[in-house]
PDB file of N, CA and C in Angstrom:
ATOM      1  N   MET A   1       2.837  -5.601  -3.846  1.00  0.00           N
ATOM      2  CA  MET A   1       1.665  -6.349  -3.471  1.00  0.00           C
ATOM      3  C   MET A   1       2.067  -6.661  -2.009  1.00  0.00           C
ATOM      4  N   ILE A   2       0.884  -6.195  -1.105  1.00  0.00           N
ATOM      5  CA  ILE A   2       0.959  -6.719   0.060  1.00  0.00           C
ATOM      6  C   ILE A   2      -0.224  -7.918  -0.015  1.00  0.00           C
ATOM      7  N   GLY A   3       0.337  -8.950   0.896  1.00  0.00           N
ATOM      8  CA  GLY A   3      -0.623 -10.151   0.964  1.00  0.00           C
ATOM      9  C   GLY A   3      -1.015 -10.313   2.508  1.00  0.00           C
ATOM     10  N   LEU A   4      -2.666 -10.577   2.527  1.00  0.00           N
ATOM     11  CA  LEU A   4      -3.079 -10.763   3.691  1.00  0.00           C
ATOM     12  C   LEU A   4      -3.915 -11.852   4.027  1.00  0.00           C
ATOM     13  N   THR A   5      -3.667 -12.564   4.808  1.00  0.00           N
ATOM     14  CA  THR A   5      -4.392 -14.272   5.050  1.00  0.00           C
ATOM     15  C   THR A   5      -5.819 -14.072   4.956  1.00  0.00           C
ATOM     16  N   TYR A   6      -6.065 -15.318   4.477  1.00  0.00           N
ATOM     17  CA  TYR A   6      -7.816 -15.668   4.093  1.00  0.00           C
ATOM     18  C   TYR A   6      -8.469 -15.174   5.279  1.00  0.00           C
ATOM     19  N   THR A   7      -8.019 -15.379   6.490  1.00  0.00           N
ATOM     20  CA  THR A   7      -8.787 -15.096   7.650  1.00  0.00           C
ATOM     21  C   THR A   7      -9.242 -13.643   7.735  1.00  0.00           C
ATOM     22  N   THR A   8      -8.415 -12.758   6.714  1.00  0.00           N
ATOM     23  CA  THR A   8      -8.846 -11.050   6.986  1.00  0.00           C
ATOM     24  C   THR A   8     -10.065 -11.200   6.668  1.00  0.00           C
ATOM     25  N   SER A   9     -11.134 -10.409   7.397  1.00  0.00           N
ATOM     26  CA  SER A   9     -12.431 -10.102   6.960  1.00  0.00           C
ATOM     27  C   SER A   9     -12.353  -8.980   5.774  1.00  0.00           C
ATOM     28  N   THR A  10     -13.787  -8.897   5.202  1.00  0.00           N
ATOM     29  CA  THR A  10     -13.773  -7.938   4.174  1.00  0.00           C
ATOM     30  C   THR A  10     -13.661  -6.533   4.555  1.00  0.00           C
ATOM     31  N   GLU A  11     -14.117  -6.374   5.905  1.00  0.00           N
ATOM     32  CA  GLU A  11     -14.092  -5.050   6.613  1.00  0.00           C
ATOM     33  C   GLU A  11     -12.718  -4.503   6.576  1.00  0.00           C
ATOM     34  N   LYS A  12     -11.955  -5.656   7.132  1.00  0.00           N
ATOM     35  CA  LYS A  12     -10.554  -5.376   7.525  1.00  0.00           C
ATOM     36  C   LYS A  12      -9.592  -4.908   6.207  1.00  0.00           C
ATOM     37  N   LEU A  13     -10.081  -6.040   4.937  1.00  0.00           N
ATOM     38  CA  LEU A  13      -9.313  -5.630   3.781  1.00  0.00           C
ATOM     39  C   LEU A  13      -9.465  -4.350   3.180  1.00  0.00           C
ATOM     40  N   LYS A  14     -10.703  -3.917   3.363  1.00  0.00           N
ATOM     41  CA  LYS A  14     -11.197  -2.712   3.032  1.00  0.00           C
ATOM     42  C   LYS A  14     -10.452  -1.560   3.638  1.00  0.00           C
ATOM     43  N   ARG A  15     -10.312  -1.848   5.188  1.00  0.00           N
ATOM     44  CA  ARG A  15      -9.587  -0.829   6.034  1.00  0.00           C
ATOM     45  C   ARG A  15      -8.095  -0.598   5.529  1.00  0.00           C
ATOM     46  N   ALA A  16      -7.478  -1.770   5.375  1.00  0.00           N
ATOM     47  CA  ALA A  16      -6.203  -2.086   4.749  1.00  0.00           C
ATOM     48  C   ALA A  16      -5.843  -0.980   3.550  1.00  0.00           C
ATOM     49  N   ILE A  17      -6.715  -1.173   2.750  1.00  0.00           N
ATOM     50  CA  ILE A  17      -6.529  -0.380   1.459  1.00  0.00           C
ATOM     51  C   ILE A  17      -6.920   0.905   1.548  1.00  0.00           C
ATOM     52  N   ALA A  18      -7.773   1.265   2.615  1.00  0.00           N
ATOM     53  CA  ALA A  18      -7.661   2.896   2.824  1.00  0.00           C
ATOM     54  C   ALA A  18      -6.600   3.407   3.521  1.00  0.00           C
ATOM     55  N   ILE A  19      -6.086   2.493   4.381  1.00  0.00           N
ATOM     56  CA  ILE A  19      -4.844   2.994   5.537  1.00  0.00           C
ATOM     57  C   ILE A  19      -3.604   3.032   4.176  1.00  0.00           C
ATOM     58  N   ILE A  20      -3.283   2.298   3.244  1.00  0.00           N
ATOM     59  CA  ILE A  20      -2.358   2.290   2.495  1.00  0.00           C
ATOM     60  C   ILE A  20      -2.338   3.458   1.430  1.00  0.00           C
ATOM     61  N   ARG A  21      -3.561   3.834   0.946  1.00  0.00           N
ATOM     62  CA  ARG A  21      -3.908   5.007   0.173  1.00  0.00           C
ATOM     63  C   ARG A  21      -3.630   6.268   1.044  1.00  0.00           C
ATOM     64  N   GLU A  22      -3.932   6.388   2.119  1.00  0.00           N
ATOM     65  CA  GLU A  22      -3.837   7.536   3.054  1.00  0.00           C
ATOM     66  C   GLU A  22      -2.350   7.796   3.195  1.00  0.00           C
ATOM     67  N   ILE A  23      -1.624   6.603   3.595  1.00  0.00           N
ATOM     68  CA  ILE A  23      -0.064   6.609   3.959  1.00  0.00           C
ATOM     69  C   ILE A  23       0.589   7.389   2.476  1.00  0.00           C
ATOM     70  N   LEU A  24       0.007   7.017   1.528  1.00  0.00           N
ATOM     71  CA  LEU A  24       0.438   7.217  -0.014  1.00  0.00           C
ATOM     72  C   LEU A  24       0.215   8.848  -0.107  1.00  0.00           C
ATOM     73  N   GLU A  25      -1.027   9.056  -0.041  1.00  0.00           N
ATOM     74  CA  GLU A  25      -1.474  10.290  -0.574  1.00  0.00           C
ATOM     75  C   GLU A  25      -1.074  11.729   0.627  1.00  0.00           C
ATOM     76  N   ASN A  26      -0.174  11.037   1.970  1.00  0.00           N
ATOM     77  CA  ASN A  26       0.259  11.919   2.743  1.00  0.00           C
ATOM     78  C   ASN A  26       1.940  12.027   2.463  1.00  0.00           C
ATOM     79  N   ASP A  27       2.369  11.457   1.544  1.00  0.00           N
ATOM     80  CA  ASP A  27       3.862  11.459   1.227  1.00  0.00           C
ATOM     81  C   ASP A  27       4.036  12.545   0.346  1.00  0.00           C
ATOM     82  N   ASP A  28       4.620  13.660   0.815  1.00  0.00           N
ATOM     83  CA  ASP A  28       4.808  14.657  -0.227  1.00  0.00           C
ATOM     84  C   ASP A  28       5.847  14.398  -1.515  1.00  0.00           C
ATOM     85  N   ARG A  29       6.541  13.135  -1.436  1.00  0.00           N
ATOM     86  CA  ARG A  29       7.660  12.823  -2.275  1.00  0.00           C
ATOM     87  C   ARG A  29       7.051  11.951  -3.572  1.00  0.00           C
ATOM     88  N   ILE A  30       5.568  11.767  -3.311  1.00  0.00           N
ATOM     89  CA  ILE A  30       4.754  11.239  -4.455  1.00  0.00           C
ATOM     90  C   ILE A  30       3.990  12.335  -5.007  1.00  0.00           C
ATOM     91  N   PRO A  31       4.506  12.567  -6.265  1.00  0.00           N
ATOM     92  CA  PRO A  31       3.875  14.118  -6.877  1.00  0.00           C
ATOM     93  C   PRO A  31       2.498  14.011  -7.545  1.00  0.00           C
ATOM     94  N   ASN A  32       2.075  12.752  -7.918  1.00  0.00           N
ATOM     95  CA  ASN A  32       0.651  12.571  -8.676  1.00  0.00           C
ATOM     96  C   ASN A  32      -0.160  11.930  -8.067  1.00  0.00           C
ATOM     97  N   LYS A  33      -0.855  12.487  -7.069  1.00  0.00           N
ATOM     98  CA  LYS A  33      -1.755  11.744  -6.071  1.00  0.00           C
ATOM     99  C   LYS A  33      -2.826  10.997  -7.011  1.00  0.00           C
ATOM    100  N   ASP A  34      -3.302  11.435  -8.121  1.00  0.00           N
ATOM    101  CA  ASP A  34      -4.244  11.096  -8.949  1.00  0.00           C
ATOM    102  C   ASP A  34      -3.721   9.721  -9.410  1.00  0.00           C
ATOM    103  N   LYS A  35      -2.476   9.478  -9.625  1.00  0.00           N
ATOM    104  CA  LYS A  35      -2.076   8.194 -10.441  1.00  0.00           C
ATOM    105  C   LYS A  35      -1.744   7.099  -9.126  1.00  0.00           C
ATOM    106  N   ILE A  36      -1.985   7.267  -7.944  1.00  0.00           N
ATOM    107  CA  ILE A  36      -1.913   6.208  -6.952  1.00  0.00           C
ATOM    108  C   ILE A  36      -3.004   5.220  -7.085  1.00  0.00           C
ATOM    109  N   ALA A  37      -2.442   3.805  -7.287  1.00  0.00           N
ATOM    110  CA  ALA A  37      -3.509   2.758  -7.494  1.00  0.00           C
ATOM    111  C   ALA A  37      -3.319   1.778  -6.303  1.00  0.00           C
ATOM    112  N   VAL A  38      -4.120   1.569  -5.611  1.00  0.00           N
ATOM    113  CA  VAL A  38      -4.307   0.560  -4.419  1.00  0.00           C
ATOM    114  C   VAL A  38      -5.761  -0.109  -4.524  1.00  0.00           C
ATOM    115  N   GLY A  39      -5.653  -1.528  -4.370  1.00  0.00           N
ATOM    116  CA  GLY A  39      -6.870  -2.023  -4.545  1.00  0.00           C
ATOM    117  C   GLY A  39      -6.989  -3.469  -4.458  1.00  0.00           C
ATOM    118  N   PHE A  40      -7.710  -4.358  -4.064  1.00  0.00           N
ATOM    119  CA  PHE A  40      -8.010  -5.801  -3.897  1.00  0.00           C
ATOM    120  C   PHE A  40      -7.654  -6.517  -5.313  1.00  0.00           C
ATOM    121  N   TYR A  41      -6.603  -7.090  -5.285  1.00  0.00           N
ATOM    122  CA  TYR A  41      -5.913  -7.630  -6.716  1.00  0.00           C
ATOM    123  C   TYR A  41      -6.408  -8.896  -6.965  1.00  0.00           C
ATOM    124  N   LYS A  42      -5.867  -9.992  -6.070  1.00  0.00           N
ATOM    125  CA  LYS A  42      -6.482 -11.105  -6.515  1.00  0.00           C
ATOM    126  C   LYS A  42      -6.477 -12.139  -5.134  1.00  0.00           C
ATOM    127  N   PHE A  43      -6.942 -13.298  -5.473  1.00  0.00           N
ATOM    128  CA  PHE A  43      -6.893 -14.484  -4.652  1.00  0.00           C
ATOM    129  C   PHE A  43      -5.841 -15.444  -4.732  1.00  0.00           C
ATOM    130  N   ASP A  44      -4.655 -15.244  -4.157  1.00  0.00           N
ATOM    131  CA  ASP A  44      -3.543 -15.917  -4.427  1.00  0.00           C
ATOM    132  C   ASP A  44      -3.530 -17.255  -3.565  1.00  0.00           C
ATOM    133  N   ALA A  45      -2.461 -17.936  -3.879  1.00  0.00           N
ATOM    134  CA  ALA A  45      -2.643 -19.428  -3.302  1.00  0.00           C
ATOM    135  C   ALA A  45      -2.670 -19.291  -1.924  1.00  0.00           C
ATOM    136  N   TYR A  46      -2.044 -18.469  -1.107  1.00  0.00           N
ATOM    137  CA  TYR A  46      -1.822 -18.246   0.306  1.00  0.00           C
ATOM    138  C   TYR A  46      -2.159 -16.964   0.855  1.00  0.00           C
ATOM    139  N   SER A  47      -2.685 -16.100   0.059  1.00  0.00           N
ATOM    140  CA  SER A  47      -3.044 -14.571   0.768  1.00  0.00           C
ATOM    141  C   SER A  47      -4.111 -14.058  -0.501  1.00  0.00           C
ATOM    142  N   LEU A  48      -4.810 -12.966   0.457  1.00  0.00           N
ATOM    143  CA  LEU A  48      -5.371 -12.009  -0.302  1.00  0.00           C
ATOM    144  C   LEU A  48      -4.578 -10.949  -0.553  1.00  0.00           C
ATOM    145  N   ASN A  49      -4.323 -10.580  -2.036  1.00  0.00           N
ATOM    146  CA  ASN A  49      -3.214  -9.732  -2.257  1.00  0.00           C
ATOM    147  C   ASN A  49      -3.905  -8.461  -2.792  1.00  0.00           C
ATOM    148  N   ILE A  50      -3.173  -7.142  -2.179  1.00  0.00           N
ATOM    149  CA  ILE A  50      -3.320  -5.920  -2.427  1.00  0.00           C
ATOM    150  C   ILE A  50      -2.374  -5.314  -3.417  1.00  0.00           C
ATOM    151  N   TYR A  51      -2.998  -4.701  -4.442  1.00  0.00           N
ATOM    152  CA  TYR A  51      -1.903  -4.008  -5.319  1.00  0.00           C
ATOM    153  C   TYR A  51      -1.714  -2.625  -5.115  1.00  0.00           C
ATOM    154  N   ILE A  52      -0.224  -2.208  -5.277  1.00  0.00           N
ATOM    155  CA  ILE A  52       0.025  -0.896  -4.899  1.00  0.00           C
ATOM    156  C   ILE A  52       1.045  -0.367  -5.784  1.00  0.00           C
ATOM    157  N   GLY A  53       0.557   0.924  -6.341  1.00  0.00           N
ATOM    158  CA  GLY A  53       1.424   1.372  -7.637  1.00  0.00           C
ATOM    159  C   GLY A  53       1.347   3.025  -7.202  1.00  0.00           C
ATOM    160  N   PHE A  54       2.360   3.453  -7.583  1.00  0.00           N
ATOM    161  CA  PHE A  54       2.436   4.849  -7.382  1.00  0.00           C
ATOM    162  C   PHE A  54       3.574   5.402  -8.249  1.00  0.00           C
ATOM    163  N   TYR A  55       3.845   6.854  -8.720  1.00  0.00           N
ATOM    164  CA  TYR A  55       5.131   7.347  -9.078  1.00  0.00           C
ATOM    165  C   TYR A  55       5.630   8.342  -8.303  1.00  0.00           C
ATOM    166  N   ILE A  56       6.924   8.462  -8.493  1.00  0.00           N
ATOM    167  CA  ILE A  56       7.915   9.355  -7.747  1.00  0.00           C
ATOM    168  C   ILE A  56       8.639  10.117  -8.444  1.00  0.00           C
ATOM    169  N   ARG A  57       9.231  11.321  -7.717  1.00  0.00           N
ATOM    170  CA  ARG A  57       9.911  12.134  -8.499  1.00  0.00           C
ATOM    171  C   ARG A  57      11.480  11.714  -8.837  1.00  0.00           C
ATOM    172  N   ASN A  58      12.098  11.092  -8.310  1.00  0.00           N
ATOM    173  CA  ASN A  58      13.593  11.002  -8.266  1.00  0.00           C
ATOM    174  C   ASN A  58      13.634   9.501  -7.956  1.00  0.00           C
ATOM    175  N   ASP A  59      14.167   8.814  -8.876  1.00  0.00           N
ATOM    176  CA  ASP A  59      14.303   7.373  -8.917  1.00  0.00           C
ATOM    177  C   ASP A  59      15.566   6.889  -7.703  1.00  0.00           C
ATOM    178  N   ALA A  60      16.523   8.128  -7.547  1.00  0.00           N
ATOM    179  CA  ALA A  60      17.324   7.914  -6.308  1.00  0.00           C
ATOM    180  C   ALA A  60      16.556   7.702  -4.899  1.00  0.00           C
ATOM    181  N   ASP A  61      15.456   8.400  -4.917  1.00  0.00           N
ATOM    182  CA  ASP A  61      14.737   8.371  -3.541  1.00  0.00           C
ATOM    183  C   ASP A  61      13.929   7.223  -3.395  1.00  0.00           C
ATOM    184  N   ALA A  62      13.866   6.060  -4.492  1.00  0.00           N
ATOM    185  CA  ALA A  62      12.871   4.838  -4.410  1.00  0.00           C
ATOM    186  C   ALA A  62      13.003   4.089  -3.201  1.00  0.00           C
ATOM    187  N   GLY A  63      14.420   3.873  -2.954  1.00  0.00           N
ATOM    188  CA  GLY A  63      14.531   2.954  -1.721  1.00  0.00           C
ATOM    189  C   GLY A  63      14.074   3.554  -0.533  1.00  0.00           C
ATOM    190  N   ASN A  64      14.496   4.772  -0.189  1.00  0.00           N
ATOM    191  CA  ASN A  64      14.038   5.386   1.082  1.00  0.00           C
ATOM    192  C   ASN A  64      12.469   5.409   1.282  1.00  0.00           C
ATOM    193  N   ILE A  65      11.804   6.121  -0.182  1.00  0.00           N
ATOM    194  CA  ILE A  65      10.204   6.029  -0.065  1.00  0.00           C
ATOM    195  C   ILE A  65       9.884   4.544   0.225  1.00  0.00           C
ATOM    196  N   LYS A  66      10.235   3.812  -0.578  1.00  0.00           N
ATOM    197  CA  LYS A  66       9.602   1.997  -0.001  1.00  0.00           C
ATOM    198  C   LYS A  66       9.950   1.729   1.631  1.00  0.00           C
ATOM    199  N   GLN A  67      11.112   1.839   1.862  1.00  0.00           N
ATOM    200  CA  GLN A  67      11.289   1.497   3.222  1.00  0.00           C
ATOM    201  C   GLN A  67      10.461   2.309   4.295  1.00  0.00           C
ATOM    202  N   ASP A  68      10.064   3.716   4.021  1.00  0.00           N
ATOM    203  CA  ASP A  68       9.417   4.365   4.716  1.00  0.00           C
ATOM    204  C   ASP A  68       7.836   4.088   4.716  1.00  0.00           C
ATOM    205  N   PHE A  69       7.567   3.754   3.541  1.00  0.00           N
ATOM    206  CA  PHE A  69       6.140   3.228   3.445  1.00  0.00           C
ATOM    207  C   PHE A  69       6.064   1.896   4.193  1.00  0.00           C
ATOM    208  N   HIS A  70       7.027   0.924   3.746  1.00  0.00           N
ATOM    209  CA  HIS A  70       6.693  -0.293   4.448  1.00  0.00           C
ATOM    210  C   HIS A  70       6.575  -0.058   5.980  1.00  0.00           C
ATOM    211  N   PHE A  71       7.356   0.761   6.658  1.00  0.00           N
ATOM    212  CA  PHE A  71       7.267   0.712   8.070  1.00  0.00           C
ATOM    213  C   PHE A  71       6.139   1.490   8.644  1.00  0.00           C
ATOM    214  N   LYS A  72       5.691   2.752   7.844  1.00  0.00           N
ATOM    215  CA  LYS A  72       4.556   2.950   8.221  1.00  0.00           C
ATOM    216  C   LYS A  72       3.134   2.081   7.942  1.00  0.00           C
ATOM    217  N   VAL A  73       3.046   1.416   6.953  1.00  0.00           N
ATOM    218  CA  VAL A  73       2.038   0.240   6.829  1.00  0.00           C
ATOM    219  C   VAL A  73       2.119  -0.538   8.102  1.00  0.00           C
ATOM    220  N   LYS A  74       3.425  -1.203   8.249  1.00  0.00           N
ATOM    221  CA  LYS A  74       3.407  -2.173   9.594  1.00  0.00           C
ATOM    222  C   LYS A  74       2.939  -1.351  10.721  1.00  0.00           C
ATOM    223  N   GLU A  75       3.213  -0.483  10.877  1.00  0.00           N
ATOM    224  CA  GLU A  75       2.948   0.532  12.327  1.00  0.00           C
ATOM    225  C   GLU A  75       1.506   0.753  12.184  1.00  0.00           C
ATOM    226  N   ALA A  76       0.772   1.036  10.992  1.00  0.00           N
ATOM    227  CA  ALA A  76      -0.747   1.353  10.959  1.00  0.00           C
ATOM    228  C   ALA A  76      -1.569  -0.262  11.066  1.00  0.00           C
ATOM    229  N   PHE A  77      -0.762  -1.321  10.655  1.00  0.00           N
ATOM    230  CA  PHE A  77      -1.620  -2.479  10.578  1.00  0.00           C
ATOM    231  C   PHE A  77      -1.523  -3.108  12.083  1.00  0.00           C
ATOM    232  N   ASP A  78      -0.349  -2.706  12.731  1.00  0.00           N
ATOM    233  CA  ASP A  78      -0.162  -3.102  14.325  1.00  0.00           C
ATOM    234  C   ASP A  78      -1.262  -2.437  14.873  1.00  0.00           C
TER     235      ASP A  78
END
């Protein structure tokens, strides 16, 4: 999950989803691009939540993939 503030416009929310999907689709460590799931999940108490789901080849790479993904999302959102 990634939470965005309630002041985030619909346009920016859609753009955030597109950015996240693009980052995942460009990562060679994610083999099943058709299994990537990214979308506006719900209105939470304090945020608009985006759901993110994907599969990886090797569980040992999970930590590095997750950290790389977080940095790429942060850089793109900045």
